[in-house]
Amino acid sequence: MQIKTILFLLTIVLGLAACGGGQTAEEEAPKLTLEEQIQLKIGDELAKGERDEVIILDHEFGMTRKEVFQQKNKLMKEKRIYGIYKTKNTRIFVYDLNLKDIGKLVTYFDTYYHDDKLFKMECKPKIKKGQDVQEVQDAMVKLYSKKYGQPDFMVPTDTINNYNKAMWIKLNQMIEISRDKKEVMMSYTDLQEEEETLEDI
């Protein structure tokens, strides 16, 4: 009886040794790159099968150009945005982004369409002369973190200057706040529509 028990225990010990000394599945699994982690998060969110259409200034993904223009008129009447002349003949719509630690910054926005449906919006606050660009990005990340929680990812975009991009991935939406030497940009992208756009290229 004792010999059988000893042989049984010996089998277990040898089996563990063959498996690499009892490493856990986590230790054996290869580490995911940051890009792979982001793709995994996108896949998990899209797999939920839910959508959030509403983005900044009550715009919604899927709006036509006409509907976006109507929304701008509505926002103008509500005095939430206003028109300024970029050149003598070009008038654009802007809004004041209120960053508590910094104050209000005039913010421009661009819209992108696929099959006449809004799928991306980019917003760029005008950095004032002498203003610290990193300070503006930090204030924006702080503001967005109050609404969406801490960023899902901080992605290095310039390792020499130590610039990072904050990313939130929620259902079909990807929100990013990035910077370069001169400006900060926030963007909203409909991940499902972006996939279709890339397929059409």
C-alpha atoms as a PDB file:
ATOM      1  CA  MET A   1       0.000   0.000   0.000  1.00  0.00           C
ATOM      2  CA  GLN A   2       2.824   2.345   0.899  1.00  0.00           C
ATOM      3  CA  ILE A   3       4.708   1.525  -2.320  1.00  0.00           C
ATOM      4  CA  LYS A   4       1.621   2.435  -4.407  1.00  0.00           C
ATOM      5  CA  THR A   5       1.307   5.739  -2.544  1.00  0.00           C
ATOM      6  CA  ILE A   6       4.997   6.527  -3.113  1.00  0.00           C
ATOM      7  CA  LEU A   7       4.714   5.679  -6.828  1.00  0.00           C
ATOM      8  CA  PHE A   8       1.591   7.871  -7.116  1.00  0.00           C
ATOM      9  CA  LEU A   9       3.352  10.841  -5.483  1.00  0.00           C
ATOM     10  CA  LEU A  10       6.434  10.307  -7.649  1.00  0.00           C
ATOM     11  CA  THR A  11       4.229  10.413 -10.756  1.00  0.00           C
ATOM     12  CA  ILE A  12       2.761  13.752  -9.671  1.00  0.00           C
ATOM     13  CA  VAL A  13       6.207  15.263  -8.980  1.00  0.00           C
ATOM     14  CA  LEU A  14       7.557  14.082 -12.354  1.00  0.00           C
ATOM     15  CA  GLY A  15       4.444  15.422 -14.071  1.00  0.00           C
ATOM     16  CA  LEU A  16       4.908  18.850 -12.500  1.00  0.00           C
ATOM     17  CA  ALA A  17       8.554  18.897 -13.525  1.00  0.00           C
ATOM     18  CA  ALA A  18       7.590  18.078 -17.109  1.00  0.00           C
ATOM     19  CA  CYS A  19       5.127  20.993 -17.085  1.00  0.00           C
ATOM     20  CA  GLY A  20       7.890  23.457 -16.248  1.00  0.00           C
ATOM     21  CA  GLY A  21       7.975  23.316 -12.480  1.00  0.00           C
ATOM     22  CA  GLY A  22       4.316  24.093 -11.910  1.00  0.00           C
ATOM     23  CA  GLN A  23       4.096  27.430 -13.782  1.00  0.00           C
ATOM     24  CA  THR A  24       0.670  29.010 -13.843  1.00  0.00           C
ATOM     25  CA  ALA A  25      -1.199  29.649 -17.098  1.00  0.00           C
ATOM     26  CA  GLU A  26      -0.452  33.379 -16.685  1.00  0.00           C
ATOM     27  CA  GLU A  27       3.286  32.725 -16.467  1.00  0.00           C
ATOM     28  CA  GLU A  28       3.199  30.468 -19.519  1.00  0.00           C
ATOM     29  CA  ALA A  29       1.057  32.811 -21.625  1.00  0.00           C
ATOM     30  CA  PRO A  30       3.051  35.316 -23.721  1.00  0.00           C
ATOM     31  CA  LYS A  31       2.722  38.971 -22.730  1.00  0.00           C
ATOM     32  CA  LEU A  32       0.454  40.956 -25.019  1.00  0.00           C
ATOM     33  CA  THR A  33       1.863  44.045 -26.716  1.00  0.00           C
ATOM     34  CA  LEU A  34       0.102  47.353 -26.118  1.00  0.00           C
ATOM     35  CA  GLU A  35      -1.365  47.193 -29.636  1.00  0.00           C
ATOM     36  CA  GLU A  36      -2.700  43.682 -28.964  1.00  0.00           C
ATOM     37  CA  GLN A  37      -4.233  44.837 -25.659  1.00  0.00           C
ATOM     38  CA  ILE A  38      -5.999  47.682 -27.470  1.00  0.00           C
ATOM     39  CA  GLN A  39      -7.320  45.344 -30.188  1.00  0.00           C
ATOM     40  CA  LEU A  40      -8.516  42.908 -27.517  1.00  0.00           C
ATOM     41  CA  LYS A  41     -10.342  45.725 -25.689  1.00  0.00           C
ATOM     42  CA  ILE A  42     -11.957  46.903 -28.941  1.00  0.00           C
ATOM     43  CA  GLY A  43     -13.068  43.345 -29.719  1.00  0.00           C
ATOM     44  CA  ASP A  44     -14.512  42.891 -26.217  1.00  0.00           C
ATOM     45  CA  GLU A  45     -16.451  46.179 -26.390  1.00  0.00           C
ATOM     46  CA  LEU A  46     -17.846  45.579 -29.889  1.00  0.00           C
ATOM     47  CA  ALA A  47     -18.817  42.029 -28.885  1.00  0.00           C
ATOM     48  CA  LYS A  48     -21.258  43.516 -26.358  1.00  0.00           C
ATOM     49  CA  GLY A  49     -23.466  44.408 -29.334  1.00  0.00           C
ATOM     50  CA  GLU A  50     -24.490  47.754 -27.827  1.00  0.00           C
ATOM     51  CA  ARG A  51     -23.983  51.235 -29.233  1.00  0.00           C
ATOM     52  CA  ASP A  52     -23.606  54.740 -27.852  1.00  0.00           C
ATOM     53  CA  GLU A  53     -24.310  57.242 -30.629  1.00  0.00           C
ATOM     54  CA  VAL A  54     -24.055  60.508 -28.673  1.00  0.00           C
ATOM     55  CA  ILE A  55     -20.750  62.391 -28.780  1.00  0.00           C
ATOM     56  CA  ILE A  56     -19.643  65.966 -28.108  1.00  0.00           C
ATOM     57  CA  LEU A  57     -22.112  68.859 -28.465  1.00  0.00           C
ATOM     58  CA  ASP A  58     -25.014  66.398 -28.813  1.00  0.00           C
ATOM     59  CA  HIS A  59     -23.820  65.223 -32.213  1.00  0.00           C
ATOM     60  CA  GLU A  60     -24.538  61.593 -32.970  1.00  0.00           C
ATOM     61  CA  PHE A  61     -22.732  59.023 -35.040  1.00  0.00           C
ATOM     62  CA  GLY A  62     -24.706  58.305 -38.194  1.00  0.00           C
ATOM     63  CA  MET A  63     -25.899  61.893 -38.716  1.00  0.00           C
ATOM     64  CA  THR A  64     -25.931  63.037 -42.327  1.00  0.00           C
ATOM     65  CA  ARG A  65     -24.153  66.232 -43.391  1.00  0.00           C
ATOM     66  CA  LYS A  66     -27.539  67.945 -43.483  1.00  0.00           C
ATOM     67  CA  GLU A  67     -28.347  66.812 -39.938  1.00  0.00           C
ATOM     68  CA  VAL A  68     -24.935  67.999 -38.687  1.00  0.00           C
ATOM     69  CA  PHE A  69     -25.590  71.401 -40.288  1.00  0.00           C
ATOM     70  CA  GLN A  70     -29.030  71.526 -38.606  1.00  0.00           C
ATOM     71  CA  GLN A  71     -27.387  70.623 -35.294  1.00  0.00           C
ATOM     72  CA  LYS A  72     -24.911  73.479 -35.722  1.00  0.00           C
ATOM     73  CA  ASN A  73     -27.795  75.913 -36.306  1.00  0.00           C
ATOM     74  CA  LYS A  74     -29.505  74.602 -33.163  1.00  0.00           C
ATOM     75  CA  LEU A  75     -26.305  75.004 -31.126  1.00  0.00           C
ATOM     76  CA  MET A  76     -25.886  78.532 -32.516  1.00  0.00           C
ATOM     77  CA  LYS A  77     -29.394  79.485 -31.358  1.00  0.00           C
ATOM     78  CA  GLU A  78     -28.614  78.027 -27.932  1.00  0.00           C
ATOM     79  CA  LYS A  79     -25.345  80.068 -27.949  1.00  0.00           C
ATOM     80  CA  ARG A  80     -23.300  76.940 -27.295  1.00  0.00           C
ATOM     81  CA  ILE A  81     -21.217  77.519 -30.438  1.00  0.00           C
ATOM     82  CA  TYR A  82     -20.546  80.590 -32.553  1.00  0.00           C
ATOM     83  CA  GLY A  83     -19.144  81.442 -35.958  1.00  0.00           C
ATOM     84  CA  ILE A  84     -15.804  83.138 -36.572  1.00  0.00           C
ATOM     85  CA  TYR A  85     -14.036  84.044 -39.802  1.00  0.00           C
ATOM     86  CA  LYS A  86     -10.971  81.889 -40.381  1.00  0.00           C
ATOM     87  CA  THR A  87     -10.229  83.850 -43.554  1.00  0.00           C
ATOM     88  CA  LYS A  88     -12.001  86.786 -45.151  1.00  0.00           C
ATOM     89  CA  ASN A  89     -14.478  84.493 -46.906  1.00  0.00           C
ATOM     90  CA  THR A  90     -14.438  81.382 -44.698  1.00  0.00           C
ATOM     91  CA  ARG A  91     -16.611  81.258 -41.602  1.00  0.00           C
ATOM     92  CA  ILE A  92     -16.281  78.315 -39.239  1.00  0.00           C
ATOM     93  CA  PHE A  93     -18.060  77.209 -36.089  1.00  0.00           C
ATOM     94  CA  VAL A  94     -16.196  77.008 -32.785  1.00  0.00           C
ATOM     95  CA  TYR A  95     -17.054  76.515 -29.136  1.00  0.00           C
ATOM     96  CA  ASP A  96     -15.404  77.402 -25.842  1.00  0.00           C
ATOM     97  CA  LEU A  97     -13.924  74.397 -24.087  1.00  0.00           C
ATOM     98  CA  ASN A  98     -13.965  75.188 -20.384  1.00  0.00           C
ATOM     99  CA  LEU A  99     -10.951  73.733 -18.582  1.00  0.00           C
ATOM    100  CA  LYS A 100     -11.208  74.679 -14.923  1.00  0.00           C
ATOM    101  CA  ASP A 101      -7.465  74.784 -14.275  1.00  0.00           C
ATOM    102  CA  ILE A 102      -6.767  76.822 -17.421  1.00  0.00           C
ATOM    103  CA  GLY A 103      -9.906  78.664 -18.489  1.00  0.00           C
ATOM    104  CA  LYS A 104     -11.813  78.700 -21.761  1.00  0.00           C
ATOM    105  CA  LEU A 105     -10.123  77.751 -25.016  1.00  0.00           C
ATOM    106  CA  VAL A 106     -11.618  78.422 -28.449  1.00  0.00           C
ATOM    107  CA  THR A 107     -12.056  74.966 -29.991  1.00  0.00           C
ATOM    108  CA  TYR A 108     -12.412  74.076 -33.660  1.00  0.00           C
ATOM    109  CA  PHE A 109     -14.018  70.869 -34.826  1.00  0.00           C
ATOM    110  CA  ASP A 110     -13.920  68.830 -38.021  1.00  0.00           C
ATOM    111  CA  THR A 111     -16.386  66.163 -39.088  1.00  0.00           C
ATOM    112  CA  TYR A 112     -15.713  63.036 -41.164  1.00  0.00           C
ATOM    113  CA  TYR A 113     -18.279  60.992 -43.059  1.00  0.00           C
ATOM    114  CA  HIS A 114     -18.604  57.557 -44.621  1.00  0.00           C
ATOM    115  CA  ASP A 115     -21.548  57.085 -47.004  1.00  0.00           C
ATOM    116  CA  ASP A 116     -22.804  60.519 -45.820  1.00  0.00           C
ATOM    117  CA  LYS A 117     -22.878  59.346 -42.183  1.00  0.00           C
ATOM    118  CA  LEU A 118     -20.848  60.962 -39.434  1.00  0.00           C
ATOM    119  CA  PHE A 119     -18.309  58.468 -38.081  1.00  0.00           C
ATOM    120  CA  LYS A 120     -15.549  60.696 -36.686  1.00  0.00           C
ATOM    121  CA  MET A 121     -15.154  64.109 -35.113  1.00  0.00           C
ATOM    122  CA  GLU A 122     -11.908  65.874 -34.245  1.00  0.00           C
ATOM    123  CA  CYS A 123     -11.689  68.857 -31.907  1.00  0.00           C
ATOM    124  CA  LYS A 124      -8.663  71.127 -31.528  1.00  0.00           C
ATOM    125  CA  PRO A 125      -8.477  73.834 -28.853  1.00  0.00           C
ATOM    126  CA  LYS A 126      -6.466  76.896 -29.834  1.00  0.00           C
ATOM    127  CA  ILE A 127      -3.362  77.013 -27.667  1.00  0.00           C
ATOM    128  CA  LYS A 128      -2.676  80.526 -26.443  1.00  0.00           C
ATOM    129  CA  LYS A 129       0.743  82.068 -26.933  1.00  0.00           C
ATOM    130  CA  GLY A 130       3.120  80.938 -24.210  1.00  0.00           C
ATOM    131  CA  GLN A 131       0.709  78.273 -22.960  1.00  0.00           C
ATOM    132  CA  ASP A 132       2.117  74.887 -21.963  1.00  0.00           C
ATOM    133  CA  VAL A 133       0.733  72.310 -24.415  1.00  0.00           C
ATOM    134  CA  GLN A 134       1.260  69.470 -21.923  1.00  0.00           C
ATOM    135  CA  GLU A 135      -0.687  71.392 -19.300  1.00  0.00           C
ATOM    136  CA  VAL A 136      -3.616  71.714 -21.723  1.00  0.00           C
ATOM    137  CA  GLN A 137      -3.572  67.983 -22.521  1.00  0.00           C
ATOM    138  CA  ASP A 138      -3.384  67.101 -18.805  1.00  0.00           C
ATOM    139  CA  ALA A 139      -6.372  69.362 -18.060  1.00  0.00           C
ATOM    140  CA  MET A 140      -8.378  67.760 -20.874  1.00  0.00           C
ATOM    141  CA  VAL A 141      -7.551  64.237 -19.683  1.00  0.00           C
ATOM    142  CA  LYS A 142      -8.600  65.267 -16.169  1.00  0.00           C
ATOM    143  CA  LEU A 143     -11.918  66.624 -17.491  1.00  0.00           C
ATOM    144  CA  TYR A 144     -12.653  63.510 -19.567  1.00  0.00           C
ATOM    145  CA  SER A 145     -11.656  61.200 -16.708  1.00  0.00           C
ATOM    146  CA  LYS A 146     -14.494  62.673 -14.649  1.00  0.00           C
ATOM    147  CA  LYS A 147     -16.984  61.521 -17.282  1.00  0.00           C
ATOM    148  CA  TYR A 148     -15.443  58.296 -18.585  1.00  0.00           C
ATOM    149  CA  GLY A 149     -13.174  57.173 -15.731  1.00  0.00           C
ATOM    150  CA  GLN A 150      -9.422  56.815 -16.000  1.00  0.00           C
ATOM    151  CA  PRO A 151      -8.149  56.232 -19.578  1.00  0.00           C
ATOM    152  CA  ASP A 152      -8.116  52.612 -20.701  1.00  0.00           C
ATOM    153  CA  PHE A 153      -4.683  53.186 -22.232  1.00  0.00           C
ATOM    154  CA  MET A 154      -1.886  55.738 -22.256  1.00  0.00           C
ATOM    155  CA  VAL A 155      -0.121  55.175 -25.562  1.00  0.00           C
ATOM    156  CA  PRO A 156       3.358  56.589 -26.249  1.00  0.00           C
ATOM    157  CA  THR A 157       3.281  58.636 -29.459  1.00  0.00           C
ATOM    158  CA  ASP A 158       6.698  60.301 -29.236  1.00  0.00           C
ATOM    159  CA  THR A 159       9.231  58.584 -26.991  1.00  0.00           C
ATOM    160  CA  ILE A 160      11.853  61.293 -27.541  1.00  0.00           C
ATOM    161  CA  ASN A 161       9.608  64.079 -26.200  1.00  0.00           C
ATOM    162  CA  ASN A 162       7.621  61.734 -23.936  1.00  0.00           C
ATOM    163  CA  TYR A 163       4.243  62.515 -25.538  1.00  0.00           C
ATOM    164  CA  ASN A 164       1.366  60.149 -24.783  1.00  0.00           C
ATOM    165  CA  LYS A 165      -2.160  59.659 -26.075  1.00  0.00           C
ATOM    166  CA  ALA A 166      -5.009  58.947 -23.646  1.00  0.00           C
ATOM    167  CA  MET A 167      -7.562  56.451 -24.965  1.00  0.00           C
ATOM    168  CA  TRP A 168     -11.023  55.428 -23.827  1.00  0.00           C
ATOM    169  CA  ILE A 169     -12.788  52.531 -25.575  1.00  0.00           C
ATOM    170  CA  LYS A 170     -16.469  52.228 -24.667  1.00  0.00           C
ATOM    171  CA  LEU A 171     -18.853  50.092 -26.734  1.00  0.00           C
ATOM    172  CA  ASN A 172     -18.534  51.422 -30.325  1.00  0.00           C
ATOM    173  CA  GLN A 173     -16.732  54.632 -29.321  1.00  0.00           C
ATOM    174  CA  MET A 174     -13.029  55.349 -29.164  1.00  0.00           C
ATOM    175  CA  ILE A 175     -12.109  58.684 -27.593  1.00  0.00           C
ATOM    176  CA  GLU A 176      -8.526  59.927 -27.845  1.00  0.00           C
ATOM    177  CA  ILE A 177      -6.684  62.953 -26.485  1.00  0.00           C
ATOM    178  CA  SER A 178      -3.266  63.398 -28.068  1.00  0.00           C
ATOM    179  CA  ARG A 179      -0.702  66.142 -28.535  1.00  0.00           C
ATOM    180  CA  ASP A 180       2.276  67.130 -30.600  1.00  0.00           C
ATOM    181  CA  LYS A 181       4.696  70.027 -30.216  1.00  0.00           C
ATOM    182  CA  LYS A 182       2.121  72.730 -30.976  1.00  0.00           C
ATOM    183  CA  GLU A 183      -1.401  71.453 -30.351  1.00  0.00           C
ATOM    184  CA  VAL A 184      -3.738  69.077 -28.565  1.00  0.00           C
ATOM    185  CA  MET A 185      -6.448  67.121 -30.333  1.00  0.00           C
ATOM    186  CA  MET A 186      -9.380  65.107 -29.055  1.00  0.00           C
ATOM    187  CA  SER A 187     -11.255  62.782 -31.347  1.00  0.00           C
ATOM    188  CA  TYR A 188     -14.317  60.574 -31.295  1.00  0.00           C
ATOM    189  CA  THR A 189     -14.428  57.583 -33.633  1.00  0.00           C
ATOM    190  CA  ASP A 190     -17.209  55.092 -34.335  1.00  0.00           C
ATOM    191  CA  LEU A 191     -15.188  51.871 -34.356  1.00  0.00           C
ATOM    192  CA  GLN A 192     -17.775  49.896 -36.327  1.00  0.00           C
ATOM    193  CA  GLU A 193     -17.973  52.501 -39.081  1.00  0.00           C
ATOM    194  CA  GLU A 194     -14.208  52.912 -39.144  1.00  0.00           C
ATOM    195  CA  GLU A 195     -13.855  49.185 -39.890  1.00  0.00           C
ATOM    196  CA  GLU A 196     -16.280  49.519 -42.805  1.00  0.00           C
ATOM    197  CA  THR A 197     -14.430  52.608 -44.087  1.00  0.00           C
ATOM    198  CA  LEU A 198     -11.119  50.742 -44.091  1.00  0.00           C
ATOM    199  CA  GLU A 199     -12.743  47.837 -45.931  1.00  0.00           C
ATOM    200  CA  ASP A 200     -13.839  50.236 -48.701  1.00  0.00           C
ATOM    201  CA  ILE A 201     -10.298  51.539 -49.280  1.00  0.00           C
END
